[in-house]
Amino acid sequence: MVVLTVQRDHYGKICAFKLTGHADSAPHGQDLVCAAVSAVAFGAVNAVESLAKLKMDVRQKDNGGYLECGISDCPVGANLEKAQLILEAMFISMRTIEKSYGQYIRVSD
């Protein structure tokens, strides 16, 4: 099972997230839940860096099953607001996946 844990600061803003585990909803290379979760997570990281111009600390394991990301420097202003919009969209997308495939993914914040 994939577990997404979102960490929020004292203002309720997402400052980090961690994905662990494997969906195992189908054989390797055919797992649509894994593909969806990976696309949403990596898309969010790339969007934060490209659109919000904020560096994210990214840790992952070579064999998959682990991705931990956090905003390196949390400045205030428009860039942080862009990052928050992207990260909240990621969170909502993951919740949507969870609604349809709850036996393979858990989302918490």
PDB file of N, CA and C in Angstrom:
ATOM      1  N   MET A   1       0.840  -1.186   0.000  1.00  0.00           N
ATOM      2  CA  MET A   1       0.000   0.000   0.000  1.00  0.00           C
ATOM      3  C   MET A   1       0.881   1.244   0.000  1.00  0.00           C
ATOM      4  N   VAL A   2       0.444   2.244  -0.741  1.00  0.00           N
ATOM      5  CA  VAL A   2       1.115   3.543  -0.758  1.00  0.00           C
ATOM      6  C   VAL A   2       0.528   4.389   0.362  1.00  0.00           C
ATOM      7  N   VAL A   3       1.387   5.043   1.106  1.00  0.00           N
ATOM      8  CA  VAL A   3       0.946   5.953   2.164  1.00  0.00           C
ATOM      9  C   VAL A   3       1.532   7.331   1.873  1.00  0.00           C
ATOM     10  N   LEU A   4       0.646   8.318   1.760  1.00  0.00           N
ATOM     11  CA  LEU A   4       1.068   9.711   1.600  1.00  0.00           C
ATOM     12  C   LEU A   4       0.812  10.428   2.910  1.00  0.00           C
ATOM     13  N   THR A   5       1.863  11.010   3.467  1.00  0.00           N
ATOM     14  CA  THR A   5       1.748  11.813   4.674  1.00  0.00           C
ATOM     15  C   THR A   5       2.179  13.231   4.329  1.00  0.00           C
ATOM     16  N   VAL A   6       1.283  14.172   4.571  1.00  0.00           N
ATOM     17  CA  VAL A   6       1.554  15.581   4.293  1.00  0.00           C
ATOM     18  C   VAL A   6       1.834  16.278   5.614  1.00  0.00           C
ATOM     19  N   GLN A   7       2.914  17.044   5.654  1.00  0.00           N
ATOM     20  CA  GLN A   7       3.278  17.804   6.852  1.00  0.00           C
ATOM     21  C   GLN A   7       2.927  19.266   6.623  1.00  0.00           C
ATOM     22  N   ARG A   8       2.209  19.834   7.574  1.00  0.00           N
ATOM     23  CA  ARG A   8       1.811  21.241   7.483  1.00  0.00           C
ATOM     24  C   ARG A   8       2.482  22.041   8.599  1.00  0.00           C
ATOM     25  N   ASP A   9       2.740  23.317   8.319  1.00  0.00           N
ATOM     26  CA  ASP A   9       3.291  24.193   9.347  1.00  0.00           C
ATOM     27  C   ASP A   9       2.163  24.703  10.247  1.00  0.00           C
ATOM     28  N   HIS A  10       2.497  25.566  11.193  1.00  0.00           N
ATOM     29  CA  HIS A  10       1.498  26.042  12.154  1.00  0.00           C
ATOM     30  C   HIS A  10       0.459  26.960  11.517  1.00  0.00           C
ATOM     31  N   TYR A  11       0.664  27.347  10.260  1.00  0.00           N
ATOM     32  CA  TYR A  11      -0.335  28.137   9.532  1.00  0.00           C
ATOM     33  C   TYR A  11      -1.231  27.255   8.663  1.00  0.00           C
ATOM     34  N   GLY A  12      -0.959  25.948   8.673  1.00  0.00           N
ATOM     35  CA  GLY A  12      -1.732  25.024   7.854  1.00  0.00           C
ATOM     36  C   GLY A  12      -1.210  24.864   6.442  1.00  0.00           C
ATOM     37  N   LYS A  13      -0.043  25.427   6.167  1.00  0.00           N
ATOM     38  CA  LYS A  13       0.554  25.345   4.835  1.00  0.00           C
ATOM     39  C   LYS A  13       1.365  24.054   4.706  1.00  0.00           C
ATOM     40  N   ILE A  14       1.304  23.433   3.547  1.00  0.00           N
ATOM     41  CA  ILE A  14       2.087  22.226   3.304  1.00  0.00           C
ATOM     42  C   ILE A  14       3.556  22.618   3.182  1.00  0.00           C
ATOM     43  N   CYS A  15       4.395  21.999   4.005  1.00  0.00           N
ATOM     44  CA  CYS A  15       5.827  22.286   3.925  1.00  0.00           C
ATOM     45  C   CYS A  15       6.627  21.056   3.493  1.00  0.00           C
ATOM     46  N   ALA A  16       6.007  19.863   3.558  1.00  0.00           N
ATOM     47  CA  ALA A  16       6.691  18.642   3.155  1.00  0.00           C
ATOM     48  C   ALA A  16       5.664  17.534   2.947  1.00  0.00           C
ATOM     49  N   PHE A  17       6.096  16.502   2.224  1.00  0.00           N
ATOM     50  CA  PHE A  17       5.270  15.305   2.114  1.00  0.00           C
ATOM     51  C   PHE A  17       6.166  14.092   1.946  1.00  0.00           C
ATOM     52  N   LYS A  18       5.611  12.935   2.302  1.00  0.00           N
ATOM     53  CA  LYS A  18       6.357  11.685   2.194  1.00  0.00           C
ATOM     54  C   LYS A  18       5.444  10.614   1.614  1.00  0.00           C
ATOM     55  N   LEU A  19       5.935   9.914   0.615  1.00  0.00           N
ATOM     56  CA  LEU A  19       5.249   8.771   0.017  1.00  0.00           C
ATOM     57  C   LEU A  19       6.061   7.529   0.325  1.00  0.00           C
ATOM     58  N   THR A  20       5.409   6.504   0.847  1.00  0.00           N
ATOM     59  CA  THR A  20       6.094   5.245   1.120  1.00  0.00           C
ATOM     60  C   THR A  20       5.253   4.086   0.609  1.00  0.00           C
ATOM     61  N   GLY A  21       5.917   2.988   0.311  1.00  0.00           N
ATOM     62  CA  GLY A  21       5.225   1.762  -0.064  1.00  0.00           C
ATOM     63  C   GLY A  21       4.971   1.627  -1.552  1.00  0.00           C
ATOM     64  N   HIS A  22       4.316   0.519  -1.880  1.00  0.00           N
ATOM     65  CA  HIS A  22       3.973   0.195  -3.263  1.00  0.00           C
ATOM     66  C   HIS A  22       2.490  -0.113  -3.336  1.00  0.00           C
ATOM     67  N   ALA A  23       1.849   0.281  -4.420  1.00  0.00           N
ATOM     68  CA  ALA A  23       0.415   0.035  -4.581  1.00  0.00           C
ATOM     69  C   ALA A  23       0.138  -1.452  -4.788  1.00  0.00           C
ATOM     70  N   ASP A  24       0.943  -2.107  -5.592  1.00  0.00           N
ATOM     71  CA  ASP A  24       0.741  -3.528  -5.906  1.00  0.00           C
ATOM     72  C   ASP A  24      -0.676  -3.816  -6.392  1.00  0.00           C
ATOM     73  N   SER A  25      -1.233  -2.914  -7.192  1.00  0.00           N
ATOM     74  CA  SER A  25      -2.579  -3.129  -7.722  1.00  0.00           C
ATOM     75  C   SER A  25      -2.558  -3.939  -9.017  1.00  0.00           C
ATOM     76  N   ALA A  26      -1.371  -4.127  -9.584  1.00  0.00           N
ATOM     77  CA  ALA A  26      -1.196  -4.898 -10.815  1.00  0.00           C
ATOM     78  C   ALA A  26       0.285  -5.257 -10.926  1.00  0.00           C
ATOM     79  N   PRO A  27       0.642  -6.130 -11.861  1.00  0.00           N
ATOM     80  CA  PRO A  27       2.058  -6.463 -12.041  1.00  0.00           C
ATOM     81  C   PRO A  27       2.892  -5.223 -12.369  1.00  0.00           C
ATOM     82  N   HIS A  28       4.174  -5.312 -12.053  1.00  0.00           N
ATOM     83  CA  HIS A  28       5.112  -4.223 -12.332  1.00  0.00           C
ATOM     84  C   HIS A  28       5.000  -3.815 -13.799  1.00  0.00           C
ATOM     85  N   GLY A  29       4.908  -2.517 -14.028  1.00  0.00           N
ATOM     86  CA  GLY A  29       4.778  -2.001 -15.378  1.00  0.00           C
ATOM     87  C   GLY A  29       3.345  -1.854 -15.846  1.00  0.00           C
ATOM     88  N   GLN A  30       2.392  -2.390 -15.071  1.00  0.00           N
ATOM     89  CA  GLN A  30       0.976  -2.300 -15.423  1.00  0.00           C
ATOM     90  C   GLN A  30       0.146  -1.688 -14.298  1.00  0.00           C
ATOM     91  N   ASP A  31       0.806  -1.214 -13.268  1.00  0.00           N
ATOM     92  CA  ASP A  31       0.133  -0.718 -12.062  1.00  0.00           C
ATOM     93  C   ASP A  31      -0.314   0.729 -12.265  1.00  0.00           C
ATOM     94  N   LEU A  32      -1.601   0.906 -12.561  1.00  0.00           N
ATOM     95  CA  LEU A  32      -2.126   2.245 -12.834  1.00  0.00           C
ATOM     96  C   LEU A  32      -2.156   3.129 -11.594  1.00  0.00           C
ATOM     97  N   VAL A  33      -2.366   2.541 -10.420  1.00  0.00           N
ATOM     98  CA  VAL A  33      -2.366   3.337  -9.192  1.00  0.00           C
ATOM     99  C   VAL A  33      -0.965   3.886  -8.950  1.00  0.00           C
ATOM    100  N   CYS A  34       0.024   3.042  -9.094  1.00  0.00           N
ATOM    101  CA  CYS A  34       1.417   3.487  -8.935  1.00  0.00           C
ATOM    102  C   CYS A  34       1.743   4.585  -9.942  1.00  0.00           C
ATOM    103  N   ALA A  35       1.338   4.387 -11.180  1.00  0.00           N
ATOM    104  CA  ALA A  35       1.613   5.383 -12.217  1.00  0.00           C
ATOM    105  C   ALA A  35       0.939   6.711 -11.903  1.00  0.00           C
ATOM    106  N   ALA A  36      -0.304   6.659 -11.451  1.00  0.00           N
ATOM    107  CA  ALA A  36      -1.034   7.893 -11.125  1.00  0.00           C
ATOM    108  C   ALA A  36      -0.378   8.629  -9.966  1.00  0.00           C
ATOM    109  N   VAL A  37      -0.070   7.900  -8.898  1.00  0.00           N
ATOM    110  CA  VAL A  37       0.545   8.505  -7.712  1.00  0.00           C
ATOM    111  C   VAL A  37       1.905   9.105  -8.068  1.00  0.00           C
ATOM    112  N   SER A  38       2.703   8.370  -8.821  1.00  0.00           N
ATOM    113  CA  SER A  38       4.025   8.863  -9.217  1.00  0.00           C
ATOM    114  C   SER A  38       3.919  10.111 -10.081  1.00  0.00           C
ATOM    115  N   ALA A  39       3.006  10.090 -11.043  1.00  0.00           N
ATOM    116  CA  ALA A  39       2.847  11.240 -11.934  1.00  0.00           C
ATOM    117  C   ALA A  39       2.410  12.480 -11.172  1.00  0.00           C
ATOM    118  N   VAL A  40       1.467  12.317 -10.259  1.00  0.00           N
ATOM    119  CA  VAL A  40       0.981  13.462  -9.482  1.00  0.00           C
ATOM    120  C   VAL A  40       2.093  14.003  -8.583  1.00  0.00           C
ATOM    121  N   ALA A  41       2.801  13.116  -7.884  1.00  0.00           N
ATOM    122  CA  ALA A  41       3.845  13.554  -6.949  1.00  0.00           C
ATOM    123  C   ALA A  41       5.012  14.223  -7.671  1.00  0.00           C
ATOM    124  N   PHE A  42       5.556  13.568  -8.689  1.00  0.00           N
ATOM    125  CA  PHE A  42       6.700  14.145  -9.397  1.00  0.00           C
ATOM    126  C   PHE A  42       6.291  15.376 -10.193  1.00  0.00           C
ATOM    127  N   GLY A  43       5.069  15.378 -10.698  1.00  0.00           N
ATOM    128  CA  GLY A  43       4.565  16.572 -11.379  1.00  0.00           C
ATOM    129  C   GLY A  43       4.497  17.763 -10.447  1.00  0.00           C
ATOM    130  N   ALA A  44       4.070  17.523  -9.205  1.00  0.00           N
ATOM    131  CA  ALA A  44       3.994  18.605  -8.219  1.00  0.00           C
ATOM    132  C   ALA A  44       5.381  19.143  -7.886  1.00  0.00           C
ATOM    133  N   VAL A  45       6.333  18.247  -7.674  1.00  0.00           N
ATOM    134  CA  VAL A  45       7.705  18.677  -7.368  1.00  0.00           C
ATOM    135  C   VAL A  45       8.266  19.509  -8.521  1.00  0.00           C
ATOM    136  N   ASN A  46       8.113  19.011  -9.729  1.00  0.00           N
ATOM    137  CA  ASN A  46       8.620  19.742 -10.898  1.00  0.00           C
ATOM    138  C   ASN A  46       7.920  21.085 -11.068  1.00  0.00           C
ATOM    139  N   ALA A  47       6.615  21.127 -10.810  1.00  0.00           N
ATOM    140  CA  ALA A  47       5.862  22.379 -10.942  1.00  0.00           C
ATOM    141  C   ALA A  47       6.286  23.402  -9.894  1.00  0.00           C
ATOM    142  N   VAL A  48       6.508  22.960  -8.661  1.00  0.00           N
ATOM    143  CA  VAL A  48       6.964  23.894  -7.617  1.00  0.00           C
ATOM    144  C   VAL A  48       8.296  24.510  -8.028  1.00  0.00           C
ATOM    145  N   GLU A  49       9.206  23.673  -8.516  1.00  0.00           N
ATOM    146  CA  GLU A  49      10.524  24.193  -8.886  1.00  0.00           C
ATOM    147  C   GLU A  49      10.466  25.068 -10.138  1.00  0.00           C
ATOM    148  N   SER A  50       9.656  24.688 -11.117  1.00  0.00           N
ATOM    149  CA  SER A  50       9.599  25.432 -12.384  1.00  0.00           C
ATOM    150  C   SER A  50       8.731  26.680 -12.310  1.00  0.00           C
ATOM    151  N   LEU A  51       7.557  26.560 -11.715  1.00  0.00           N
ATOM    152  CA  LEU A  51       6.599  27.665 -11.722  1.00  0.00           C
ATOM    153  C   LEU A  51       6.729  28.589 -10.518  1.00  0.00           C
ATOM    154  N   ALA A  52       6.983  28.001  -9.339  1.00  0.00           N
ATOM    155  CA  ALA A  52       7.102  28.822  -8.133  1.00  0.00           C
ATOM    156  C   ALA A  52       8.548  29.228  -7.868  1.00  0.00           C
ATOM    157  N   LYS A  53       9.477  28.643  -8.618  1.00  0.00           N
ATOM    158  CA  LYS A  53      10.907  28.976  -8.491  1.00  0.00           C
ATOM    159  C   LYS A  53      11.434  28.731  -7.078  1.00  0.00           C
ATOM    160  N   LEU A  54      10.912  27.674  -6.430  1.00  0.00           N
ATOM    161  CA  LEU A  54      11.391  27.289  -5.105  1.00  0.00           C
ATOM    162  C   LEU A  54      12.084  25.944  -5.211  1.00  0.00           C
ATOM    163  N   LYS A  55      13.210  25.807  -4.540  1.00  0.00           N
ATOM    164  CA  LYS A  55      13.956  24.553  -4.526  1.00  0.00           C
ATOM    165  C   LYS A  55      13.312  23.605  -3.531  1.00  0.00           C
ATOM    166  N   MET A  56      13.135  22.360  -3.948  1.00  0.00           N
ATOM    167  CA  MET A  56      12.616  21.346  -3.038  1.00  0.00           C
ATOM    168  C   MET A  56      13.725  20.360  -2.703  1.00  0.00           C
ATOM    169  N   ASP A  57      13.813  19.995  -1.420  1.00  0.00           N
ATOM    170  CA  ASP A  57      14.708  18.916  -1.006  1.00  0.00           C
ATOM    171  C   ASP A  57      13.996  17.621  -1.338  1.00  0.00           C
ATOM    172  N   VAL A  58      14.627  16.773  -2.122  1.00  0.00           N
ATOM    173  CA  VAL A  58      14.010  15.521  -2.558  1.00  0.00           C
ATOM    174  C   VAL A  58      14.905  14.364  -2.146  1.00  0.00           C
ATOM    175  N   ARG A  59      14.307  13.386  -1.475  1.00  0.00           N
ATOM    176  CA  ARG A  59      15.006  12.151  -1.121  1.00  0.00           C
ATOM    177  C   ARG A  59      14.170  10.996  -1.650  1.00  0.00           C
ATOM    178  N   GLN A  60      14.841  10.069  -2.315  1.00  0.00           N
ATOM    179  CA  GLN A  60      14.142   8.894  -2.812  1.00  0.00           C
ATOM    180  C   GLN A  60      15.076   7.699  -2.784  1.00  0.00           C
ATOM    181  N   LYS A  61      14.498   6.510  -2.878  1.00  0.00           N
ATOM    182  CA  LYS A  61      15.288   5.283  -2.902  1.00  0.00           C
ATOM    183  C   LYS A  61      15.353   4.769  -4.329  1.00  0.00           C
ATOM    184  N   ASP A  62      16.487   4.177  -4.657  1.00  0.00           N
ATOM    185  CA  ASP A  62      16.709   3.693  -6.014  1.00  0.00           C
ATOM    186  C   ASP A  62      15.681   2.656  -6.455  1.00  0.00           C
ATOM    187  N   ASN A  63      15.231   1.824  -5.531  1.00  0.00           N
ATOM    188  CA  ASN A  63      14.293   0.759  -5.892  1.00  0.00           C
ATOM    189  C   ASN A  63      12.835   1.211  -5.810  1.00  0.00           C
ATOM    190  N   GLY A  64      12.599   2.496  -5.623  1.00  0.00           N
ATOM    191  CA  GLY A  64      11.233   3.020  -5.540  1.00  0.00           C
ATOM    192  C   GLY A  64      10.636   2.813  -4.165  1.00  0.00           C
ATOM    193  N   GLY A  65       9.390   3.176  -4.034  1.00  0.00           N
ATOM    194  CA  GLY A  65       8.690   2.971  -2.778  1.00  0.00           C
ATOM    195  C   GLY A  65       8.972   4.009  -1.713  1.00  0.00           C
ATOM    196  N   TYR A  66       9.726   5.046  -2.043  1.00  0.00           N
ATOM    197  CA  TYR A  66      10.015   6.082  -1.056  1.00  0.00           C
ATOM    198  C   TYR A  66      10.326   7.398  -1.760  1.00  0.00           C
ATOM    199  N   LEU A  67       9.579   8.428  -1.388  1.00  0.00           N
ATOM    200  CA  LEU A  67       9.827   9.784  -1.884  1.00  0.00           C
ATOM    201  C   LEU A  67       9.498  10.744  -0.760  1.00  0.00           C
ATOM    202  N   GLU A  68      10.469  11.537  -0.374  1.00  0.00           N
ATOM    203  CA  GLU A  68      10.264  12.543   0.664  1.00  0.00           C
ATOM    204  C   GLU A  68      10.684  13.894   0.100  1.00  0.00           C
ATOM    205  N   CYS A  69       9.802  14.880   0.204  1.00  0.00           N
ATOM    206  CA  CYS A  69      10.057  16.196  -0.376  1.00  0.00           C
ATOM    207  C   CYS A  69       9.661  17.292   0.597  1.00  0.00           C
ATOM    208  N   GLY A  70      10.445  18.341   0.607  1.00  0.00           N
ATOM    209  CA  GLY A  70      10.123  19.505   1.419  1.00  0.00           C
ATOM    210  C   GLY A  70      10.637  20.763   0.751  1.00  0.00           C
ATOM    211  N   ILE A  71       9.989  21.870   1.037  1.00  0.00           N
ATOM    212  CA  ILE A  71      10.448  23.145   0.494  1.00  0.00           C
ATOM    213  C   ILE A  71      11.687  23.556   1.274  1.00  0.00           C
ATOM    214  N   SER A  72      12.804  23.759   0.554  1.00  0.00           N
ATOM    215  CA  SER A  72      14.084  24.069   1.193  1.00  0.00           C
ATOM    216  C   SER A  72      14.028  25.351   1.994  1.00  0.00           C
ATOM    217  N   ASP A  73      13.561  26.387   1.354  1.00  0.00           N
ATOM    218  CA  ASP A  73      13.539  27.705   1.961  1.00  0.00           C
ATOM    219  C   ASP A  73      12.110  28.199   1.851  1.00  0.00           C
ATOM    220  N   CYS A  74      11.500  28.539   2.952  1.00  0.00           N
ATOM    221  CA  CYS A  74      10.092  28.944   2.936  1.00  0.00           C
ATOM    222  C   CYS A  74       9.959  30.459   3.000  1.00  0.00           C
ATOM    223  N   PRO A  75      10.209  31.135   1.898  1.00  0.00           N
ATOM    224  CA  PRO A  75      10.009  32.583   1.901  1.00  0.00           C
ATOM    225  C   PRO A  75       8.526  32.911   1.870  1.00  0.00           C
ATOM    226  N   VAL A  76       8.192  34.095   2.247  1.00  0.00           N
ATOM    227  CA  VAL A  76       6.804  34.538   2.129  1.00  0.00           C
ATOM    228  C   VAL A  76       6.634  35.189   0.766  1.00  0.00           C
ATOM    229  N   GLY A  77       5.409  35.331   0.350  1.00  0.00           N
ATOM    230  CA  GLY A  77       5.153  36.041  -0.899  1.00  0.00           C
ATOM    231  C   GLY A  77       4.544  35.164  -1.964  1.00  0.00           C
ATOM    232  N   ALA A  78       4.562  35.715  -3.166  1.00  0.00           N
ATOM    233  CA  ALA A  78       3.868  35.103  -4.295  1.00  0.00           C
ATOM    234  C   ALA A  78       4.403  33.714  -4.628  1.00  0.00           C
ATOM    235  N   ASN A  79       5.719  33.519  -4.535  1.00  0.00           N
ATOM    236  CA  ASN A  79       6.276  32.215  -4.875  1.00  0.00           C
ATOM    237  C   ASN A  79       5.791  31.133  -3.926  1.00  0.00           C
ATOM    238  N   LEU A  80       5.721  31.450  -2.646  1.00  0.00           N
ATOM    239  CA  LEU A  80       5.227  30.475  -1.681  1.00  0.00           C
ATOM    240  C   LEU A  80       3.748  30.193  -1.921  1.00  0.00           C
ATOM    241  N   GLU A  81       2.988  31.208  -2.277  1.00  0.00           N
ATOM    242  CA  GLU A  81       1.562  31.002  -2.570  1.00  0.00           C
ATOM    243  C   GLU A  81       1.378  30.113  -3.794  1.00  0.00           C
ATOM    244  N   LYS A  82       2.217  30.291  -4.812  1.00  0.00           N
ATOM    245  CA  LYS A  82       2.167  29.412  -5.981  1.00  0.00           C
ATOM    246  C   LYS A  82       2.467  27.978  -5.575  1.00  0.00           C
ATOM    247  N   ALA A  83       3.504  27.813  -4.756  1.00  0.00           N
ATOM    248  CA  ALA A  83       3.876  26.474  -4.296  1.00  0.00           C
ATOM    249  C   ALA A  83       2.740  25.839  -3.512  1.00  0.00           C
ATOM    250  N   GLN A  84       2.085  26.619  -2.661  1.00  0.00           N
ATOM    251  CA  GLN A  84       0.971  26.083  -1.877  1.00  0.00           C
ATOM    252  C   GLN A  84      -0.174  25.632  -2.770  1.00  0.00           C
ATOM    253  N   LEU A  85      -0.486  26.411  -3.774  1.00  0.00           N
ATOM    254  CA  LEU A  85      -1.549  26.039  -4.703  1.00  0.00           C
ATOM    255  C   LEU A  85      -1.214  24.714  -5.392  1.00  0.00           C
ATOM    256  N   ILE A  86       0.019  24.570  -5.816  1.00  0.00           N
ATOM    257  CA  ILE A  86       0.458  23.336  -6.476  1.00  0.00           C
ATOM    258  C   ILE A  86       0.391  22.158  -5.512  1.00  0.00           C
ATOM    259  N   LEU A  87       0.898  22.339  -4.289  1.00  0.00           N
ATOM    260  CA  LEU A  87       0.919  21.240  -3.320  1.00  0.00           C
ATOM    261  C   LEU A  87      -0.482  20.869  -2.846  1.00  0.00           C
ATOM    262  N   GLU A  88      -1.357  21.851  -2.696  1.00  0.00           N
ATOM    263  CA  GLU A  88      -2.749  21.541  -2.329  1.00  0.00           C
ATOM    264  C   GLU A  88      -3.449  20.805  -3.473  1.00  0.00           C
ATOM    265  N   ALA A  89      -3.147  21.182  -4.713  1.00  0.00           N
ATOM    266  CA  ALA A  89      -3.708  20.468  -5.866  1.00  0.00           C
ATOM    267  C   ALA A  89      -3.220  19.019  -5.878  1.00  0.00           C
ATOM    268  N   MET A  90      -1.944  18.806  -5.535  1.00  0.00           N
ATOM    269  CA  MET A  90      -1.419  17.451  -5.424  1.00  0.00           C
ATOM    270  C   MET A  90      -2.187  16.668  -4.370  1.00  0.00           C
ATOM    271  N   PHE A  91      -2.398  17.295  -3.209  1.00  0.00           N
ATOM    272  CA  PHE A  91      -3.104  16.645  -2.106  1.00  0.00           C
ATOM    273  C   PHE A  91      -4.521  16.254  -2.534  1.00  0.00           C
ATOM    274  N   ILE A  92      -5.225  17.148  -3.189  1.00  0.00           N
ATOM    275  CA  ILE A  92      -6.588  16.864  -3.657  1.00  0.00           C
ATOM    276  C   ILE A  92      -6.574  15.742  -4.692  1.00  0.00           C
ATOM    277  N   SER A  93      -5.609  15.755  -5.588  1.00  0.00           N
ATOM    278  CA  SER A  93      -5.498  14.687  -6.586  1.00  0.00           C
ATOM    279  C   SER A  93      -5.260  13.336  -5.924  1.00  0.00           C
ATOM    280  N   MET A  94      -4.414  13.311  -4.907  1.00  0.00           N
ATOM    281  CA  MET A  94      -4.156  12.057  -4.187  1.00  0.00           C
ATOM    282  C   MET A  94      -5.413  11.582  -3.452  1.00  0.00           C
ATOM    283  N   ARG A  95      -6.165  12.507  -2.869  1.00  0.00           N
ATOM    284  CA  ARG A  95      -7.438  12.148  -2.221  1.00  0.00           C
ATOM    285  C   ARG A  95      -8.414  11.553  -3.241  1.00  0.00           C
ATOM    286  N   THR A  96      -8.418  12.096  -4.447  1.00  0.00           N
ATOM    287  CA  THR A  96      -9.283  11.575  -5.506  1.00  0.00           C
ATOM    288  C   THR A  96      -8.886  10.145  -5.867  1.00  0.00           C
ATOM    289  N   ILE A  97      -7.595   9.890  -5.972  1.00  0.00           N
ATOM    290  CA  ILE A  97      -7.118   8.528  -6.228  1.00  0.00           C
ATOM    291  C   ILE A  97      -7.526   7.618  -5.080  1.00  0.00           C
ATOM    292  N   GLU A  98      -7.380   8.109  -3.851  1.00  0.00           N
ATOM    293  CA  GLU A  98      -7.744   7.318  -2.673  1.00  0.00           C
ATOM    294  C   GLU A  98      -9.230   6.951  -2.683  1.00  0.00           C
ATOM    295  N   LYS A  99     -10.090   7.862  -3.112  1.00  0.00           N
ATOM    296  CA  LYS A  99     -11.530   7.574  -3.144  1.00  0.00           C
ATOM    297  C   LYS A  99     -11.849   6.403  -4.063  1.00  0.00           C
ATOM    298  N   SER A 100     -11.142   6.310  -5.173  1.00  0.00           N
ATOM    299  CA  SER A 100     -11.403   5.231  -6.128  1.00  0.00           C
ATOM    300  C   SER A 100     -10.611   3.959  -5.839  1.00  0.00           C
ATOM    301  N   TYR A 101      -9.442   4.112  -5.245  1.00  0.00           N
ATOM    302  CA  TYR A 101      -8.538   2.976  -5.047  1.00  0.00           C
ATOM    303  C   TYR A 101      -8.034   2.907  -3.611  1.00  0.00           C
ATOM    304  N   GLY A 102      -8.943   3.078  -2.665  1.00  0.00           N
ATOM    305  CA  GLY A 102      -8.583   3.143  -1.253  1.00  0.00           C
ATOM    306  C   GLY A 102      -7.896   1.913  -0.704  1.00  0.00           C
ATOM    307  N   GLN A 103      -8.048   0.787  -1.366  1.00  0.00           N
ATOM    308  CA  GLN A 103      -7.364  -0.422  -0.893  1.00  0.00           C
ATOM    309  C   GLN A 103      -5.873  -0.392  -1.220  1.00  0.00           C
ATOM    310  N   TYR A 104      -5.450   0.590  -2.047  1.00  0.00           N
ATOM    311  CA  TYR A 104      -4.050   0.667  -2.456  1.00  0.00           C
ATOM    312  C   TYR A 104      -3.323   1.924  -1.989  1.00  0.00           C
ATOM    313  N   ILE A 105      -4.045   2.912  -1.489  1.00  0.00           N
ATOM    314  CA  ILE A 105      -3.416   4.177  -1.082  1.00  0.00           C
ATOM    315  C   ILE A 105      -4.146   4.771   0.117  1.00  0.00           C
ATOM    316  N   ARG A 106      -3.370   5.317   1.053  1.00  0.00           N
ATOM    317  CA  ARG A 106      -3.896   6.062   2.202  1.00  0.00           C
ATOM    318  C   ARG A 106      -3.250   7.437   2.196  1.00  0.00           C
ATOM    319  N   VAL A 107      -4.075   8.457   2.436  1.00  0.00           N
ATOM    320  CA  VAL A 107      -3.617   9.845   2.431  1.00  0.00           C
ATOM    321  C   VAL A 107      -3.931  10.456   3.786  1.00  0.00           C
ATOM    322  N   SER A 108      -2.935  11.109   4.384  1.00  0.00           N
ATOM    323  CA  SER A 108      -3.183  11.771   5.671  1.00  0.00           C
ATOM    324  C   SER A 108      -2.401  13.073   5.746  1.00  0.00           C
ATOM    325  N   ASP A 109      -2.939  13.992   6.554  1.00  0.00           N
ATOM    326  CA  ASP A 109      -2.229  15.252   6.821  1.00  0.00           C
ATOM    327  C   ASP A 109      -2.443  15.645   8.255  1.00  0.00           C
TER     328      ASP A 109
END
